[in-house]
Amino acid sequence: MKVESSNYPARYWHRNDDGRLQCDLCPRDCKLHDGQRGACFVRMRQGEQMVLTTYGRSSGFCIDPIEKKPFNNFYPGSSVFSFGTAGCNLACKFCQNWDISKSHDMDSLMDQASPEAIAKAAREHGCKSVAFTYNDPVIFAEYAMDTADACHALGIQTVAVTAGYIHEQPRRELFAKMDAANVDLKAFTEDFYFKLSSAHLQPILDTLVYLKHETRVWLELTTLLIPGYNDSDQELVAMCNWIMKELGPDVPLHFSAFHPDYKMMDVPPTPVATLVRARNIALKQGLHYVYTGNVHNIEGDTTFCPSCQAPLIVRDWYQINDYRLTALGHCPDCGNPVAGRFDAKCGHFGRQRIPVTLG
């Protein structure tokens, strides 16, 4: 099926008494007159319905290592077919993908593809999974869900890289189609979310608890540490204690390095020492799988046995240099099971990144 560049009927909205249509996808609850767009820019009122303006249109396709998303305990070494669209329902001043997520230029979405075409391309390139990434799949939920169905029909896994800012009903329906999710836990204060992301913390925490306790979705977390904003010992301890209490010790946590970008060009890059400090705090609080990202740190890239501390998956950036898990995903030294999703053998995709054009 060829998908033309046209507006697609959206789900998750209702008519208010004042005649405006309210979007029910995320906690922003945008209320729109005819022709107006929501804060995400891609959901628009057109006459008497809500439409998604980016269905079937992508900012590009690329084959990545799964560790780049990042997922370290989800089929390590495998390749993932990655794509996104445009727009975002958050307004992060530190956005590292702002050219995509903040884009209001629909003409920048040059690649067109139906859900079936994406699934077939992923299979033809030998990808284990398809990732909805670069911008948040929440705002193109209909496209992501249809693509997930097409992928599952061909035996391909699906992963969402998301901020988790979504209402209850669409959350249920979107994540019912996902095999894994990496959720950005951007900070652990309401003040940070409100001032730097124009959002709120509690809906993200609700999404995390839902994913862990009411779905079979494999869950990993990422926190971008920004010097002076969300990297204090006090906040990191509070966050890790919450993760331990509400999600348990086996949810992997990635601490990622910030680099100056978008509206925070005056903030310095995150020192490696900050990531190491954060990782040590998380391990001390009892988390089993804590990683560092966007920096060269082999120890922070490595998966250790939570029981005997043996290095089990040794990484150098996205390259796996040693893989010692048994076929059942256990430590060969002490027999302890390692949390995650694993094949009998490790993948060998490596560090490469392959841009793809769909005909």
Protein backbone atom coordinates (compact mmCIF):
# COMPACT_ATOMS: atom_id res chain seq x y z
CA MET A 1 0.00 0.00 0.00
CA LYS A 2 1.42 3.38 -0.98
CA VAL A 3 0.79 6.12 1.57
CA GLU A 4 0.40 9.60 0.13
CA SER A 5 1.26 12.75 2.05
CA SER A 6 -2.20 13.38 3.45
CA ASN A 7 -3.81 13.87 6.81
CA TYR A 8 -4.85 10.70 8.62
CA PRO A 9 -7.86 10.47 10.96
CA ALA A 10 -6.60 10.61 14.53
CA ARG A 11 -7.89 8.79 17.56
CA TYR A 12 -8.11 10.19 21.09
CA TRP A 13 -10.17 13.36 20.96
CA HIS A 14 -13.61 14.66 21.87
CA ARG A 15 -15.77 17.75 21.32
CA ASN A 16 -16.08 20.25 24.15
CA ASP A 17 -19.26 22.16 24.93
CA ASP A 18 -17.66 25.33 23.56
CA GLY A 19 -17.22 23.71 20.12
CA ARG A 20 -13.49 23.15 20.35
CA LEU A 21 -12.04 19.70 19.80
CA GLN A 22 -9.86 18.48 22.67
CA CYS A 23 -6.98 16.13 22.04
CA ASP A 24 -6.97 13.30 24.59
CA LEU A 25 -3.61 11.81 23.65
CA CYS A 26 -1.38 13.44 26.26
CA PRO A 27 -1.70 15.56 29.42
CA ARG A 28 -1.45 18.78 27.44
CA ASP A 29 -5.16 18.40 26.54
CA CYS A 30 -4.90 20.82 23.61
CA LYS A 31 -8.24 22.45 22.71
CA LEU A 32 -8.43 23.43 19.08
CA HIS A 33 -10.48 25.55 16.72
CA ASP A 34 -10.64 24.59 13.03
CA GLY A 35 -7.19 24.73 11.44
CA GLN A 36 -5.31 24.92 14.73
CA ARG A 37 -2.52 22.48 15.64
CA GLY A 38 -1.70 21.08 19.05
CA ALA A 39 1.49 21.81 20.95
CA CYS A 40 3.09 18.81 19.24
CA PHE A 41 2.35 20.56 15.90
CA VAL A 42 1.47 17.31 14.11
CA ARG A 43 -2.05 16.77 15.44
CA MET A 44 -4.48 19.25 13.90
CA ARG A 45 -8.17 20.02 13.81
CA GLN A 46 -9.49 19.77 10.27
CA GLY A 47 -13.16 20.62 10.10
CA GLU A 48 -14.96 18.42 12.58
CA GLN A 49 -12.23 15.86 13.15
CA MET A 50 -8.70 15.59 14.49
CA VAL A 51 -6.02 14.45 12.06
CA LEU A 52 -2.41 13.26 12.24
CA THR A 53 -0.39 15.16 9.64
CA THR A 54 2.69 12.91 9.66
CA TYR A 55 1.19 9.46 9.07
CA GLY A 56 3.35 7.64 6.52
CA ARG A 57 5.99 10.38 6.50
CA SER A 58 9.40 10.05 8.12
CA SER A 59 12.40 12.24 8.84
CA GLY A 60 14.55 9.33 7.69
CA PHE A 61 15.33 5.65 8.14
CA CYS A 62 18.51 4.14 9.55
CA ILE A 63 19.78 0.79 10.78
CA ASP A 64 21.43 1.17 14.19
CA PRO A 65 22.86 -1.06 16.90
CA ILE A 66 20.16 -1.67 19.50
CA GLU A 67 22.57 -0.32 22.13
CA LYS A 68 22.30 3.12 20.52
CA LYS A 69 18.62 3.53 21.49
CA PRO A 70 19.83 2.73 24.25
CA PHE A 71 18.92 -0.87 25.14
CA ASN A 72 21.64 -2.97 26.76
CA ASN A 73 19.52 -5.86 28.05
CA PHE A 74 17.33 -6.33 24.97
CA TYR A 75 18.85 -8.65 22.35
CA PRO A 76 22.42 -7.29 22.66
CA GLY A 77 24.36 -6.88 19.45
CA SER A 78 21.26 -6.92 17.26
CA SER A 79 20.36 -4.36 14.62
CA VAL A 80 17.29 -2.13 14.81
CA PHE A 81 15.50 -0.35 11.96
CA SER A 82 15.02 3.19 13.29
CA PHE A 83 12.74 6.00 12.19
CA GLY A 84 10.82 8.99 13.45
CA THR A 85 8.62 11.77 12.10
CA ALA A 86 8.56 15.40 13.29
CA GLY A 87 7.27 17.31 16.28
CA CYS A 88 7.08 16.57 20.00
CA ASN A 89 4.60 17.05 22.84
CA LEU A 90 7.31 18.26 25.21
CA ALA A 91 9.26 21.50 24.89
CA CYS A 92 12.67 20.57 26.30
CA LYS A 93 15.11 23.46 26.20
CA PHE A 94 17.97 20.93 26.12
CA CYS A 95 16.61 18.76 23.28
CA GLN A 96 19.44 16.82 21.59
CA ASN A 97 17.29 16.06 18.53
CA TRP A 98 15.70 19.50 18.23
CA ASP A 99 16.08 19.69 14.45
CA ILE A 100 13.59 16.81 14.20
CA SER A 101 11.45 17.08 17.32
CA LYS A 102 11.01 20.85 17.04
CA SER A 103 10.57 20.92 13.29
CA HIS A 104 7.50 22.71 11.97
CA ASP A 105 8.55 22.10 8.39
CA MET A 106 6.48 19.23 7.04
CA ASP A 107 8.47 19.41 3.80
CA SER A 108 11.47 18.10 5.76
CA LEU A 109 9.69 14.75 5.95
CA MET A 110 11.04 13.47 2.66
CA ASP A 111 10.71 9.71 3.15
CA GLN A 112 7.31 8.12 2.73
CA ALA A 113 6.49 4.59 3.73
CA SER A 114 3.52 2.52 4.74
CA PRO A 115 3.68 0.38 7.89
CA GLU A 116 3.96 -2.71 5.68
CA ALA A 117 6.87 -1.23 3.72
CA ILE A 118 8.77 -0.48 6.92
CA ALA A 119 8.26 -4.00 8.24
CA LYS A 120 9.38 -5.54 4.96
CA ALA A 121 12.45 -3.30 4.80
CA ALA A 122 13.40 -4.27 8.35
CA ARG A 123 13.10 -7.96 7.47
CA GLU A 124 15.08 -7.56 4.24
CA HIS A 125 17.92 -5.89 6.16
CA GLY A 126 17.97 -8.59 8.82
CA CYS A 127 16.85 -6.34 11.67
CA LYS A 128 15.66 -7.91 14.91
CA SER A 129 13.44 -4.95 15.71
CA VAL A 130 11.99 -1.64 14.55
CA ALA A 131 12.43 1.44 16.77
CA PHE A 132 10.13 4.43 16.93
CA THR A 133 12.68 7.06 17.87
CA TYR A 134 14.34 10.43 17.06
CA ASN A 135 11.10 12.14 18.08
CA ASP A 136 8.46 10.75 20.45
CA PRO A 137 6.21 7.98 19.06
CA VAL A 138 3.46 9.14 21.41
CA ILE A 139 2.57 11.92 18.98
CA PHE A 140 2.43 9.59 15.95
CA ALA A 141 0.78 6.78 17.91
CA GLU A 142 -1.55 5.68 15.10
CA TYR A 143 1.34 5.31 12.65
CA ALA A 144 3.49 3.55 15.27
CA MET A 145 0.74 1.10 16.22
CA ASP A 146 -0.07 0.21 12.62
CA THR A 147 3.64 -0.27 11.94
CA ALA A 148 3.97 -2.45 15.04
CA ASP A 149 1.16 -4.68 13.77
CA ALA A 150 2.89 -5.02 10.40
CA CYS A 151 6.19 -5.85 12.13
CA HIS A 152 4.70 -8.48 14.39
CA ALA A 153 3.09 -10.14 11.37
CA LEU A 154 6.64 -10.70 10.07
CA GLY A 155 8.12 -11.74 13.42
CA ILE A 156 9.91 -8.42 14.05
CA GLN A 157 10.05 -6.85 17.51
CA THR A 158 9.09 -3.23 18.16
CA VAL A 159 10.62 -0.73 20.57
CA ALA A 160 9.55 2.75 21.63
CA VAL A 161 11.99 5.46 22.68
CA THR A 162 9.73 7.89 24.50
CA ALA A 163 9.29 10.47 27.23
CA GLY A 164 6.20 8.59 28.38
CA TYR A 165 4.00 11.72 28.45
CA ILE A 166 0.68 10.15 27.54
CA HIS A 167 -2.85 9.65 28.88
CA GLU A 168 -4.11 6.34 30.25
CA GLN A 169 -6.19 5.00 27.34
CA PRO A 170 -3.70 5.72 24.52
CA ARG A 171 -0.92 4.51 26.82
CA ARG A 172 -2.68 1.16 27.13
CA GLU A 173 -3.21 0.85 23.40
CA LEU A 174 0.23 2.08 22.29
CA PHE A 175 2.28 -0.09 24.62
CA ALA A 176 0.14 -3.14 23.94
CA LYS A 177 1.89 -3.07 20.54
CA MET A 178 5.44 -2.64 21.92
CA ASP A 179 7.95 -5.30 22.94
CA ALA A 180 10.30 -2.86 24.69
CA ALA A 181 10.42 0.77 25.75
CA ASN A 182 13.20 3.09 26.80
CA VAL A 183 11.60 5.93 28.74
CA ASP A 184 13.37 9.23 29.39
CA LEU A 185 13.16 10.00 33.08
CA LYS A 186 14.50 13.48 32.51
CA ALA A 187 14.81 14.43 36.16
CA PHE A 188 13.16 13.75 39.48
CA THR A 189 11.67 17.13 40.32
CA GLU A 190 8.49 18.81 39.18
CA ASP A 191 10.40 22.08 38.96
CA PHE A 192 12.75 20.67 36.28
CA TYR A 193 9.92 19.22 34.19
CA PHE A 194 7.85 22.40 34.39
CA LYS A 195 10.62 24.92 33.71
CA LEU A 196 12.78 23.00 31.21
CA SER A 197 10.28 20.71 29.47
CA SER A 198 6.92 22.49 29.89
CA ALA A 199 5.53 19.27 31.30
CA HIS A 200 4.91 17.49 34.61
CA LEU A 201 6.71 14.66 36.38
CA GLN A 202 3.79 12.59 37.68
CA PRO A 203 2.45 11.39 34.29
CA ILE A 204 5.89 9.98 33.47
CA LEU A 205 6.05 8.16 36.81
CA ASP A 206 2.55 6.79 36.14
CA THR A 207 3.70 5.49 32.74
CA LEU A 208 6.74 3.78 34.29
CA VAL A 209 4.68 2.03 36.99
CA TYR A 210 2.14 0.95 34.37
CA LEU A 211 4.81 -0.47 32.05
CA LYS A 212 6.52 -2.38 34.82
CA HIS A 213 3.51 -3.84 36.58
CA GLU A 214 0.74 -4.09 33.99
CA THR A 215 2.52 -5.04 30.76
CA ARG A 216 5.13 -7.47 29.45
CA VAL A 217 7.08 -4.65 27.80
CA TRP A 218 10.81 -4.81 28.49
CA LEU A 219 11.62 -1.49 30.19
CA GLU A 220 14.84 0.52 30.36
CA LEU A 221 15.30 4.12 31.56
CA THR A 222 17.50 6.97 30.42
CA THR A 223 18.38 10.14 32.32
CA LEU A 224 20.32 12.88 30.52
CA LEU A 225 22.42 14.49 33.23
CA ILE A 226 22.68 18.26 32.82
CA PRO A 227 25.32 19.96 35.00
CA GLY A 228 23.70 22.02 37.74
CA TYR A 229 20.13 21.05 36.85
CA ASN A 230 19.46 17.39 37.68
CA ASP A 231 22.79 15.90 38.76
CA SER A 232 22.91 16.53 42.53
CA ASP A 233 23.54 13.60 44.86
CA GLN A 234 20.27 14.34 46.66
CA GLU A 235 18.16 14.15 43.51
CA LEU A 236 19.95 11.06 42.19
CA VAL A 237 19.48 9.23 45.50
CA ALA A 238 15.78 10.14 45.57
CA MET A 239 15.30 8.99 41.98
CA CYS A 240 17.10 5.69 42.47
CA ASN A 241 15.21 5.00 45.70
CA TRP A 242 11.93 5.56 43.83
CA ILE A 243 13.04 3.21 41.04
CA MET A 244 13.97 0.55 43.58
CA LYS A 245 10.66 0.86 45.41
CA GLU A 246 8.30 1.21 42.45
CA LEU A 247 10.05 -0.63 39.60
CA GLY A 248 12.57 -2.93 41.28
CA PRO A 249 16.33 -3.42 40.89
CA ASP A 250 16.29 -5.13 37.49
CA VAL A 251 15.18 -2.17 35.33
CA PRO A 252 18.34 -0.93 33.55
CA LEU A 253 19.16 2.74 34.02
CA HIS A 254 21.31 4.69 31.54
CA PHE A 255 22.95 7.96 32.62
CA SER A 256 23.68 9.91 29.46
CA ALA A 257 25.96 12.91 28.90
CA PHE A 258 24.48 16.27 27.88
CA HIS A 259 26.14 18.40 25.23
CA PRO A 260 25.24 22.08 24.65
CA ASP A 261 22.32 22.27 22.25
CA TYR A 262 19.11 24.06 21.27
CA LYS A 263 18.26 26.65 23.98
CA MET A 264 20.95 25.59 26.47
CA MET A 265 24.12 26.38 24.56
CA ASP A 266 25.61 28.10 27.60
CA VAL A 267 25.60 24.95 29.75
CA PRO A 268 28.85 22.93 29.69
CA PRO A 269 28.96 19.27 28.62
CA THR A 270 28.50 16.64 31.30
CA PRO A 271 31.88 15.48 32.67
CA VAL A 272 32.57 11.77 32.63
CA ALA A 273 33.12 11.99 36.38
CA THR A 274 29.48 13.05 36.84
CA LEU A 275 28.22 9.97 35.02
CA VAL A 276 30.52 7.72 37.03
CA ARG A 277 29.33 9.36 40.27
CA ALA A 278 25.69 8.88 39.25
CA ARG A 279 26.31 5.26 38.32
CA ASN A 280 27.96 4.59 41.68
CA ILE A 281 25.03 6.18 43.52
CA ALA A 282 22.54 4.03 41.61
CA LEU A 283 24.53 0.86 42.29
CA LYS A 284 24.79 1.76 45.97
CA GLN A 285 21.02 2.19 46.13
CA GLY A 286 20.67 -1.38 44.86
CA LEU A 287 20.05 -1.10 41.11
CA HIS A 288 21.57 -4.03 39.22
CA TYR A 289 22.16 -2.67 35.72
CA VAL A 290 23.45 0.90 35.50
CA TYR A 291 25.14 2.27 32.41
CA THR A 292 26.80 5.45 31.16
CA GLY A 293 26.14 6.87 27.70
CA ASN A 294 27.52 9.39 25.20
CA VAL A 295 31.00 8.97 26.68
CA HIS A 296 33.78 6.42 26.34
CA ASN A 297 33.63 4.35 29.51
CA ILE A 298 33.97 0.58 29.09
CA GLU A 299 33.00 -0.17 32.68
CA GLY A 300 29.87 1.94 32.29
CA ASP A 301 29.01 0.12 29.05
CA THR A 302 29.44 -3.35 30.54
CA THR A 303 26.72 -5.62 31.91
CA PHE A 304 27.83 -7.22 35.17
CA CYS A 305 26.31 -10.17 37.01
CA PRO A 306 24.32 -8.65 39.90
CA SER A 307 25.22 -11.65 42.06
CA CYS A 308 28.96 -12.30 41.60
CA GLN A 309 29.86 -9.07 39.70
CA ALA A 310 31.49 -10.97 36.83
CA PRO A 311 31.58 -8.96 33.57
CA LEU A 312 29.13 -10.71 31.25
CA ILE A 313 28.68 -8.36 28.26
CA VAL A 314 31.73 -6.16 27.74
CA ARG A 315 31.11 -3.23 25.40
CA ASP A 316 33.30 -0.55 23.89
CA TRP A 317 30.77 2.05 22.79
CA TYR A 318 28.31 -0.10 20.78
CA GLN A 319 30.80 -2.87 20.00
CA ILE A 320 30.46 -6.05 22.05
CA ASN A 321 33.95 -7.35 22.79
CA ASP A 322 33.00 -10.22 25.11
CA TYR A 323 29.69 -12.04 25.64
CA ARG A 324 29.54 -14.68 28.35
CA LEU A 325 25.84 -15.26 28.99
CA THR A 326 24.63 -18.85 28.72
CA ALA A 327 21.97 -19.77 26.17
CA LEU A 328 19.39 -19.32 28.93
CA GLY A 329 20.66 -15.83 29.79
CA HIS A 330 22.46 -16.84 32.99
CA CYS A 331 25.87 -15.99 34.43
CA PRO A 332 28.24 -18.87 33.57
CA ASP A 333 30.17 -18.38 36.83
CA CYS A 334 27.43 -18.43 39.47
CA GLY A 335 24.32 -19.40 37.48
CA ASN A 336 22.42 -16.22 38.38
CA PRO A 337 19.80 -15.22 35.76
CA VAL A 338 20.34 -11.85 34.08
CA ALA A 339 17.25 -9.70 33.57
CA GLY A 340 16.46 -8.95 29.95
CA ARG A 341 15.55 -10.46 26.61
CA PHE A 342 18.30 -12.54 25.05
CA ASP A 343 18.81 -14.88 22.11
CA ALA A 344 20.84 -18.06 22.50
CA LYS A 345 23.73 -16.23 20.85
CA CYS A 346 24.83 -12.62 20.84
CA GLY A 347 24.30 -10.47 17.77
CA HIS A 348 27.29 -9.05 15.92
CA PHE A 349 25.98 -5.88 14.27
CA GLY A 350 28.65 -3.73 15.91
CA ARG A 351 29.01 0.05 15.73
CA GLN A 352 27.90 0.64 12.17
CA ARG A 353 25.05 2.97 11.27
CA ILE A 354 23.43 2.46 7.88
CA PRO A 355 21.10 5.08 6.35
CA VAL A 356 18.29 3.49 4.33
CA THR A 357 16.07 4.87 1.59
CA LEU A 358 12.73 3.18 0.97
CA GLY A 359 11.64 3.08 -2.63
